[in-house]
């Protein structure tokens, strides 16, 4: 049995009040994650040397479909 499986098994055997205390302790120690929109804003403008028609033709560049005509 892997270490993770052993830990999960041991947690399952804990009484409910101990599980609740463990969960609370873990939540206290975990760093708060930045909201997803904040994380995405950090990526804005990070792309370099991208085609000028990427927005219109992303399917072409990602999946190889035919390019859409651009005005």
C-alpha atoms as a PDB file:
ATOM      1  CA  UNK A   1       0.000   0.000   0.000  1.00  0.00           C
ATOM      2  CA  UNK A   2       1.348   3.445  -0.866  1.00  0.00           C
ATOM      3  CA  UNK A   3       2.013   6.077   1.761  1.00  0.00           C
ATOM      4  CA  UNK A   4      -0.929   8.162   0.530  1.00  0.00           C
ATOM      5  CA  UNK A   5      -3.263   5.166   0.742  1.00  0.00           C
ATOM      6  CA  UNK A   6      -2.013   4.439   4.252  1.00  0.00           C
ATOM      7  CA  UNK A   7      -2.680   8.019   5.337  1.00  0.00           C
ATOM      8  CA  UNK A   8      -6.146   8.004   3.761  1.00  0.00           C
ATOM      9  CA  UNK A   9      -6.945   4.722   5.502  1.00  0.00           C
ATOM     10  CA  UNK A  10      -5.779   6.079   8.862  1.00  0.00           C
ATOM     11  CA  UNK A  11      -7.874   9.234   8.415  1.00  0.00           C
ATOM     12  CA  UNK A  12     -10.964   7.153   7.628  1.00  0.00           C
ATOM     13  CA  UNK A  13     -10.540   5.331  10.922  1.00  0.00           C
ATOM     14  CA  UNK A  14     -10.516   8.549  12.987  1.00  0.00           C
ATOM     15  CA  UNK A  15     -13.562   9.510  15.022  1.00  0.00           C
ATOM     16  CA  UNK A  16     -15.639  12.318  13.436  1.00  0.00           C
ATOM     17  CA  UNK A  17     -14.465  14.976  15.918  1.00  0.00           C
ATOM     18  CA  UNK A  18     -10.802  14.164  15.178  1.00  0.00           C
ATOM     19  CA  UNK A  19     -11.468  14.338  11.433  1.00  0.00           C
ATOM     20  CA  UNK A  20     -13.019  17.783  11.927  1.00  0.00           C
ATOM     21  CA  UNK A  21     -10.003  18.983  13.950  1.00  0.00           C
ATOM     22  CA  UNK A  22      -7.603  17.626  11.324  1.00  0.00           C
ATOM     23  CA  UNK A  23      -9.524  19.362   8.535  1.00  0.00           C
ATOM     24  CA  UNK A  24      -9.523  22.663  10.456  1.00  0.00           C
ATOM     25  CA  UNK A  25      -5.788  22.379  11.113  1.00  0.00           C
ATOM     26  CA  UNK A  26      -5.042  21.685   7.458  1.00  0.00           C
ATOM     27  CA  UNK A  27      -7.171  24.600   6.292  1.00  0.00           C
ATOM     28  CA  UNK A  28      -5.331  26.897   8.727  1.00  0.00           C
ATOM     29  CA  UNK A  29      -1.915  25.889   7.411  1.00  0.00           C
ATOM     30  CA  UNK A  30      -2.678  25.995   3.682  1.00  0.00           C
ATOM     31  CA  UNK A  31      -1.793  29.252   1.950  1.00  0.00           C
ATOM     32  CA  UNK A  32      -4.785  31.106   0.550  1.00  0.00           C
ATOM     33  CA  UNK A  33      -4.919  30.778  -3.231  1.00  0.00           C
ATOM     34  CA  UNK A  34      -5.356  33.914  -5.263  1.00  0.00           C
ATOM     35  CA  UNK A  35      -8.740  34.152  -6.989  1.00  0.00           C
ATOM     36  CA  UNK A  36      -8.671  32.673 -10.497  1.00  0.00           C
ATOM     37  CA  UNK A  37      -9.268  36.013 -12.215  1.00  0.00           C
ATOM     38  CA  UNK A  38      -6.266  37.461 -10.394  1.00  0.00           C
ATOM     39  CA  UNK A  39      -4.152  34.546 -11.559  1.00  0.00           C
ATOM     40  CA  UNK A  40      -5.323  34.976 -15.153  1.00  0.00           C
ATOM     41  CA  UNK A  41      -4.606  38.722 -15.081  1.00  0.00           C
ATOM     42  CA  UNK A  42      -1.017  37.843 -14.325  1.00  0.00           C
ATOM     43  CA  UNK A  43      -0.827  36.057 -17.680  1.00  0.00           C
ATOM     44  CA  UNK A  44      -2.226  38.964 -19.709  1.00  0.00           C
ATOM     45  CA  UNK A  45       0.304  40.174 -22.247  1.00  0.00           C
ATOM     46  CA  UNK A  46       2.726  37.349 -21.493  1.00  0.00           C
ATOM     47  CA  UNK A  47       2.568  35.870 -25.014  1.00  0.00           C
ATOM     48  CA  UNK A  48       5.327  36.874 -27.405  1.00  0.00           C
ATOM     49  CA  UNK A  49       5.761  36.395 -31.141  1.00  0.00           C
ATOM     50  CA  UNK A  50       2.151  35.297 -31.625  1.00  0.00           C
ATOM     51  CA  UNK A  51       0.321  35.574 -34.967  1.00  0.00           C
ATOM     52  CA  UNK A  52      -1.741  38.748 -35.341  1.00  0.00           C
ATOM     53  CA  UNK A  53      -4.821  36.666 -36.251  1.00  0.00           C
ATOM     54  CA  UNK A  54      -4.559  34.304 -33.269  1.00  0.00           C
ATOM     55  CA  UNK A  55      -7.891  35.347 -31.738  1.00  0.00           C
ATOM     56  CA  UNK A  56      -9.796  34.739 -34.973  1.00  0.00           C
ATOM     57  CA  UNK A  57      -7.939  31.547 -35.897  1.00  0.00           C
ATOM     58  CA  UNK A  58      -7.117  29.889 -32.590  1.00  0.00           C
ATOM     59  CA  UNK A  59      -8.729  26.622 -33.766  1.00  0.00           C
ATOM     60  CA  UNK A  60      -6.369  26.607 -36.742  1.00  0.00           C
ATOM     61  CA  UNK A  61      -3.297  27.109 -34.569  1.00  0.00           C
ATOM     62  CA  UNK A  62      -4.388  24.674 -31.840  1.00  0.00           C
ATOM     63  CA  UNK A  63      -6.106  21.929 -33.844  1.00  0.00           C
ATOM     64  CA  UNK A  64      -5.118  22.430 -37.478  1.00  0.00           C
ATOM     65  CA  UNK A  65      -8.593  23.346 -38.770  1.00  0.00           C
ATOM     66  CA  UNK A  66      -8.929  25.617 -41.793  1.00  0.00           C
ATOM     67  CA  UNK A  67      -8.224  29.284 -41.153  1.00  0.00           C
ATOM     68  CA  UNK A  68     -11.156  31.653 -41.030  1.00  0.00           C
ATOM     69  CA  UNK A  69     -11.058  34.522 -43.438  1.00  0.00           C
ATOM     70  CA  UNK A  70      -9.998  37.731 -41.759  1.00  0.00           C
ATOM     71  CA  UNK A  71     -11.046  41.188 -42.941  1.00  0.00           C
END
